[in-house]
Protein backbone atom coordinates (compact mmCIF):
# COMPACT_ATOMS: atom_id res chain seq x y z
CA UNK A 1 -6.90 -89.57 -97.25
CA UNK A 2 -5.60 -92.01 -95.11
CA UNK A 3 -3.80 -89.08 -93.06
CA UNK A 4 -7.14 -87.76 -92.49
CA UNK A 5 -8.71 -91.22 -91.19
CA UNK A 6 -5.64 -92.01 -88.90
CA UNK A 7 -5.49 -88.31 -87.47
CA UNK A 8 -9.74 -88.95 -86.77
CA UNK A 9 -9.28 -92.43 -84.82
CA UNK A 10 -6.94 -90.79 -82.66
CA UNK A 11 -9.22 -88.02 -81.39
CA UNK A 12 -11.60 -90.50 -80.90
CA UNK A 13 -9.36 -92.57 -78.93
CA UNK A 14 -8.39 -89.88 -76.58
CA UNK A 15 -11.73 -88.83 -75.79
CA UNK A 16 -12.92 -91.82 -75.01
CA UNK A 17 -9.49 -92.08 -72.98
CA UNK A 18 -10.52 -88.78 -70.72
CA UNK A 19 -14.19 -90.21 -70.05
CA UNK A 20 -12.83 -93.41 -68.70
CA UNK A 21 -10.87 -91.13 -66.59
CA UNK A 22 -13.56 -88.96 -65.35
CA UNK A 23 -15.93 -91.53 -64.80
CA UNK A 24 -13.41 -93.77 -62.46
CA UNK A 25 -13.04 -89.97 -60.25
CA UNK A 26 -16.41 -89.84 -59.96
CA UNK A 27 -17.63 -90.93 -55.93
CA UNK A 28 -20.55 -93.16 -55.39
CA UNK A 29 -23.47 -92.27 -54.27
CA UNK A 30 -25.26 -93.59 -51.11
CA UNK A 31 -28.80 -93.76 -51.73
CA UNK A 32 -31.00 -95.20 -49.37
CA UNK A 33 -35.10 -95.89 -49.36
CA UNK A 34 -37.03 -93.06 -47.39
CA UNK A 35 -38.12 -94.46 -43.70
CA UNK A 36 -41.55 -95.14 -44.16
CA UNK A 37 -44.57 -93.03 -42.56
CA UNK A 38 -45.60 -93.38 -39.13
CA UNK A 39 -48.80 -95.64 -38.63
CA UNK A 40 -51.71 -93.44 -37.40
CA UNK A 41 -54.21 -94.89 -35.00
CA UNK A 42 -57.70 -95.18 -36.56
CA UNK A 43 -59.49 -93.05 -34.02
CA UNK A 44 -56.89 -90.07 -34.70
CA UNK A 45 -56.49 -88.28 -37.97
CA UNK A 46 -53.81 -85.57 -38.67
CA UNK A 47 -54.64 -81.76 -38.62
CA UNK A 48 -55.00 -80.04 -42.20
CA UNK A 49 -51.53 -78.38 -43.03
CA UNK A 50 -53.36 -75.32 -43.70
CA UNK A 51 -56.11 -74.80 -40.38
CA UNK A 52 -54.02 -73.22 -38.00
CA UNK A 53 -53.67 -74.77 -34.32
CA UNK A 54 -56.52 -73.85 -31.72
CA UNK A 55 -55.16 -71.62 -28.63
CA UNK A 56 -55.93 -73.42 -25.70
CA UNK A 57 -57.47 -71.15 -22.77
CA UNK A 58 -55.57 -69.99 -19.86
CA UNK A 59 -56.36 -68.98 -16.57
CA UNK A 60 -55.63 -64.70 -16.71
CA UNK A 61 -53.11 -63.39 -14.94
CA UNK A 62 -53.80 -61.53 -11.99
CA UNK A 63 -51.05 -58.52 -12.12
CA UNK A 64 -51.75 -57.74 -8.62
CA UNK A 65 -50.77 -60.94 -7.25
CA UNK A 66 -47.10 -61.01 -9.67
CA UNK A 67 -44.59 -60.76 -6.93
CA UNK A 68 -42.80 -57.54 -8.68
CA UNK A 69 -38.74 -58.23 -8.74
CA UNK A 70 -36.50 -54.84 -9.19
CA UNK A 71 -33.04 -55.40 -9.22
CA UNK A 72 -30.43 -54.02 -6.66
CA UNK A 73 -29.39 -50.95 -7.47
CA UNK A 74 -25.53 -50.63 -8.49
CA UNK A 75 -23.68 -49.63 -6.20
CA UNK A 76 -22.40 -46.22 -6.58
CA UNK A 77 -18.49 -44.98 -4.84
CA UNK A 78 -19.03 -41.17 -3.95
CA UNK A 79 -15.52 -39.58 -5.31
CA UNK A 80 -14.78 -36.62 -3.15
CA UNK A 81 -14.09 -33.38 -5.62
CA UNK A 82 -10.79 -32.12 -5.55
CA UNK A 83 -10.21 -28.84 -6.31
CA UNK A 84 -7.16 -27.24 -8.14
CA UNK A 85 -5.83 -24.42 -5.98
CA UNK A 86 -4.46 -21.85 -8.39
CA UNK A 87 -0.50 -21.30 -7.65
CA UNK A 88 -0.69 -17.68 -6.98
CA UNK A 89 -3.79 -18.06 -4.18
CA UNK A 90 -1.13 -17.21 -1.56
CA UNK A 91 -0.96 -13.96 -3.01
CA UNK A 92 -4.77 -13.15 -3.58
CA UNK A 93 -5.98 -10.75 -0.84
CA UNK A 94 -9.08 -12.79 0.94
CA UNK A 95 -12.60 -11.73 0.01
CA UNK A 96 -12.75 -10.33 3.73
CA UNK A 97 -9.86 -7.96 2.82
CA UNK A 98 -11.86 -6.19 0.27
CA UNK A 99 -15.10 -6.48 1.61
CA UNK A 100 -14.01 -4.02 5.00
CA UNK A 101 -15.61 -0.54 5.74
CA UNK A 102 -13.24 0.11 8.08
CA UNK A 103 -9.75 0.64 8.59
CA UNK A 104 -7.27 1.91 11.65
CA UNK A 105 -3.37 1.71 11.75
CA UNK A 106 -0.79 4.27 13.09
CA UNK A 107 2.84 5.43 11.32
CA UNK A 108 6.11 6.21 12.70
CA UNK A 109 7.43 9.71 10.53
CA UNK A 110 10.83 11.16 9.82
CA UNK A 111 9.48 14.80 9.55
CA UNK A 112 11.64 17.07 7.22
CA UNK A 113 10.87 20.83 7.70
CA UNK A 114 11.21 22.94 4.42
CA UNK A 115 12.30 26.23 5.19
CA UNK A 116 14.57 25.91 8.05
CA UNK A 117 16.52 28.91 7.79
CA UNK A 118 15.36 32.62 7.12
CA UNK A 119 17.42 36.14 7.66
CA UNK A 120 20.42 37.12 9.34
CA UNK A 121 19.72 38.68 13.43
CA UNK A 122 17.30 41.15 13.69
CA UNK A 123 16.80 41.39 10.30
CA UNK A 124 14.59 39.08 8.51
CA UNK A 125 15.31 36.26 10.93
CA UNK A 126 12.44 34.28 12.49
CA UNK A 127 12.53 36.26 15.06
CA UNK A 128 15.54 38.41 17.22
CA UNK A 129 18.72 36.15 16.79
CA UNK A 130 17.25 33.27 16.00
CA UNK A 131 18.06 32.48 12.18
CA UNK A 132 17.47 28.77 11.69
CA UNK A 133 15.21 25.83 13.14
CA UNK A 134 15.60 22.11 13.04
CA UNK A 135 13.42 19.15 12.93
CA UNK A 136 12.74 17.81 16.32
CA UNK A 137 11.24 14.03 15.38
CA UNK A 138 9.07 12.18 18.21
CA UNK A 139 10.93 8.90 18.20
CA UNK A 140 7.66 6.80 18.12
CA UNK A 141 5.16 5.94 15.94
CA UNK A 142 1.78 8.06 17.27
CA UNK A 143 0.88 8.89 14.24
CA UNK A 144 -3.11 7.42 14.67
CA UNK A 145 -5.55 7.42 11.87
CA UNK A 146 -9.15 6.02 11.24
CA UNK A 147 -10.81 5.40 7.77
CA UNK A 148 -13.86 4.45 6.50
CA UNK A 149 -14.93 2.67 3.23
CA UNK A 150 -17.75 4.90 1.52
CA UNK A 151 -19.41 2.62 -0.63
CA UNK A 152 -17.94 -0.26 -1.00
CA UNK A 153 -16.07 1.61 -3.21
CA UNK A 154 -12.25 2.96 -3.53
CA UNK A 155 -12.62 5.86 -1.78
CA UNK A 156 -11.62 6.38 2.01
CA UNK A 157 -12.80 9.02 4.29
CA UNK A 158 -10.51 9.11 6.96
CA UNK A 159 -8.73 11.19 9.78
CA UNK A 160 -5.43 11.23 11.69
CA UNK A 161 -3.74 12.47 14.45
CA UNK A 162 -0.37 15.27 13.12
CA UNK A 163 2.10 16.72 15.91
CA UNK A 164 5.47 17.94 14.72
CA UNK A 165 7.77 20.05 17.07
CA UNK A 166 10.64 22.82 15.47
CA UNK A 167 13.56 24.10 17.14
CA UNK A 168 15.02 26.93 17.44
CA UNK A 169 18.64 28.06 17.15
CA UNK A 170 20.64 31.42 16.55
CA UNK A 171 24.18 32.66 15.92
CA UNK A 172 25.96 32.13 19.30
CA UNK A 173 28.96 32.51 18.43
CA UNK A 174 28.37 35.06 15.11
CA UNK A 175 29.93 33.09 12.52
CA UNK A 176 26.23 33.48 11.00
CA UNK A 177 25.07 29.78 11.51
CA UNK A 178 22.94 29.51 13.30
CA UNK A 179 24.14 26.83 16.92
CA UNK A 180 22.28 24.44 18.26
CA UNK A 181 23.97 25.69 21.22
CA UNK A 182 21.65 28.56 21.32
CA UNK A 183 17.85 28.84 21.16
CA UNK A 184 14.97 30.29 22.93
CA UNK A 185 12.22 26.99 22.89
CA UNK A 186 10.67 24.85 20.66
CA UNK A 187 7.70 25.44 18.24
CA UNK A 188 4.93 22.90 18.36
CA UNK A 189 1.69 22.05 15.72
CA UNK A 190 -0.36 19.33 16.82
CA UNK A 191 -3.93 18.67 15.38
CA UNK A 192 -6.17 16.61 12.85
CA UNK A 193 -6.50 15.61 9.60
CA UNK A 194 -9.50 14.80 7.51
CA UNK A 195 -8.93 13.17 4.24
CA UNK A 196 -10.07 11.30 1.25
CA UNK A 197 -8.56 8.36 0.05
CA UNK A 198 -8.42 6.12 -3.25
CA UNK A 199 -6.60 2.61 -2.50
CA UNK A 200 -6.36 0.52 -5.58
CA UNK A 201 -7.07 -2.64 -4.53
CA UNK A 202 -6.06 -5.41 -6.48
CA UNK A 203 -5.04 -9.42 -6.28
CA UNK A 204 -1.71 -9.23 -5.40
CA UNK A 205 -0.63 -8.15 -1.29
CA UNK A 206 0.24 -4.60 -2.58
CA UNK A 207 -2.77 -1.66 -2.64
CA UNK A 208 -1.54 1.63 -3.89
CA UNK A 209 -2.99 4.77 -2.82
CA UNK A 210 -3.17 8.49 -2.67
CA UNK A 211 -4.54 10.93 -0.31
CA UNK A 212 -5.17 14.79 0.05
CA UNK A 213 -6.33 16.44 3.42
CA UNK A 214 -7.15 20.12 5.89
CA UNK A 215 -4.81 20.10 8.25
CA UNK A 216 -6.52 21.89 11.62
CA UNK A 217 -3.49 22.64 14.06
CA UNK A 218 -3.08 24.22 17.50
CA UNK A 219 -0.04 26.32 17.10
CA UNK A 220 2.07 26.69 20.69
CA UNK A 221 5.60 28.22 21.54
CA UNK A 222 7.31 26.23 24.28
CA UNK A 223 10.22 28.90 25.81
CA UNK A 224 13.07 27.02 27.49
CA UNK A 225 14.45 28.20 30.54
CA UNK A 226 15.94 31.21 28.77
CA UNK A 227 12.46 32.74 27.87
CA UNK A 228 11.12 31.24 31.26
CA UNK A 229 13.04 33.39 32.97
CA UNK A 230 11.24 36.23 31.19
CA UNK A 231 13.93 37.56 29.42
CA UNK A 232 12.09 36.68 26.08
CA UNK A 233 7.89 36.56 25.53
CA UNK A 234 6.16 35.48 22.50
CA UNK A 235 2.88 35.59 21.37
CA UNK A 236 1.36 33.68 17.98
CA UNK A 237 -1.69 33.05 16.67
CA UNK A 238 -2.73 29.36 18.26
CA UNK A 239 -4.36 28.19 15.10
CA UNK A 240 -2.76 27.84 11.77
CA UNK A 241 -4.28 25.22 8.61
CA UNK A 242 -2.08 23.14 6.04
CA UNK A 243 -3.17 21.31 2.96
CA UNK A 244 -1.97 17.56 2.59
CA UNK A 245 -0.75 15.53 -0.52
CA UNK A 246 0.49 12.25 -0.08
CA UNK A 247 0.49 8.70 -1.22
CA UNK A 248 1.38 5.51 0.03
CA UNK A 249 1.58 1.51 -0.80
CA UNK A 250 -0.08 -0.93 2.24
CA UNK A 251 1.73 -4.83 1.58
CA UNK A 252 -0.83 -7.38 2.87
CA UNK A 253 0.99 -9.45 5.69
CA UNK A 254 -1.31 -11.81 6.68
CA UNK A 255 -5.35 -12.00 6.57
CA UNK A 256 -6.54 -7.78 7.11
CA UNK A 257 -2.98 -7.20 9.08
CA UNK A 258 -0.66 -5.03 6.47
CA UNK A 259 2.32 -3.16 6.62
CA UNK A 260 1.75 0.31 5.30
CA UNK A 261 5.06 2.69 3.45
CA UNK A 262 3.93 6.16 3.49
CA UNK A 263 5.48 9.84 1.73
CA UNK A 264 3.37 13.32 2.67
CA UNK A 265 4.15 16.06 1.92
CA UNK A 266 2.24 18.97 4.62
CA UNK A 267 1.91 22.67 3.15
CA UNK A 268 1.45 24.51 6.67
CA UNK A 269 0.30 27.88 7.28
CA UNK A 270 2.90 30.65 8.61
CA UNK A 271 2.47 31.37 12.18
CA UNK A 272 2.81 35.11 12.74
CA UNK A 273 3.17 36.92 15.63
CA UNK A 274 5.40 39.32 18.03
CA UNK A 275 7.72 39.15 20.72
CA UNK A 276 9.28 40.88 23.59
CA UNK A 277 12.36 40.92 25.75
CA UNK A 278 13.66 42.27 28.86
CA UNK A 279 10.94 40.92 30.98
CA UNK A 280 8.32 41.35 28.50
CA UNK A 281 8.85 45.12 28.74
CA UNK A 282 10.72 46.27 25.16
CA UNK A 283 8.84 44.85 21.76
CA UNK A 284 11.30 42.60 19.87
CA UNK A 285 9.69 42.52 16.48
CA UNK A 286 7.68 40.58 14.84
CA UNK A 287 7.55 36.62 14.77
CA UNK A 288 7.28 34.19 11.71
CA UNK A 289 7.58 30.45 12.32
CA UNK A 290 7.37 28.50 8.81
CA UNK A 291 6.39 25.31 9.27
CA UNK A 292 5.90 23.17 6.44
CA UNK A 293 7.74 19.95 6.08
CA UNK A 294 7.98 16.57 3.92
CA UNK A 295 7.66 13.33 6.07
CA UNK A 296 8.67 9.41 5.50
CA UNK A 297 7.44 6.64 7.05
CA UNK A 298 6.23 3.04 8.03
CA UNK A 299 3.20 1.49 10.16
CA UNK A 300 0.78 -1.33 10.79
CA UNK A 301 -2.90 -0.97 9.61
CA UNK A 302 -5.90 -3.22 10.33
CA UNK A 303 -9.16 -3.90 8.24
CA UNK A 304 -12.52 -5.22 9.25
């Protein structure tokens, strides 16, 4: 019992110590008396708290008299629009190239006759002792042409000039081979070739094309000095036709100016007739000339 009393006494003392410490740390409150309310004049009385203030009458505002101030619009700098140019614009044909309707040009061609030898002297030869012919090149670009585009399509209608000369050769030394030293003259054909062409214009500088045509030629045998003195005389039909199959490539150089690579095969009807000798008094035999050929060439053309 004594121990219990001692324990309780210690507990009470500890509680009193905690309370004393708490009171010592609590700040003192600085309490001041309220300020006295102001004294009102006897002639005025405060408005009731629950009554709304009475609005004061004001002069109406004339909207027309109020100046309208418009702020200055901000100045927006003009920025030029720069359109990027494709890297391959130099390789793209101009619109004028694609929209043109006419094309004119000319070519130089190298001709290769297809049937340059025939029989033996007096037996199946071209005539008499003439067993060979060889082509004579023009030497300058005289194969002019003009064409027109049909209905803004890839199809063109054109006409070209053509000229081919074959020089005759005979076996002057009897070795069975036609010699350039002999011969009686040259066979010449010239005329025009109406044709249809299909050209594939595209985004590059290269425009391939193919064409087919029908040639109308006037044929003429032009004798050399041997024939001119009357030793030999040729009578042959003067008009023949031929079929053209051709193709090529236009290479655009500058604006509407193009270079032209060209190749064709021309199947020409045989030129037939008769020849005479001894100043035309004696019949020598049949005359035949084969003028079919292949040609390769190049030229320039202009579209407009």
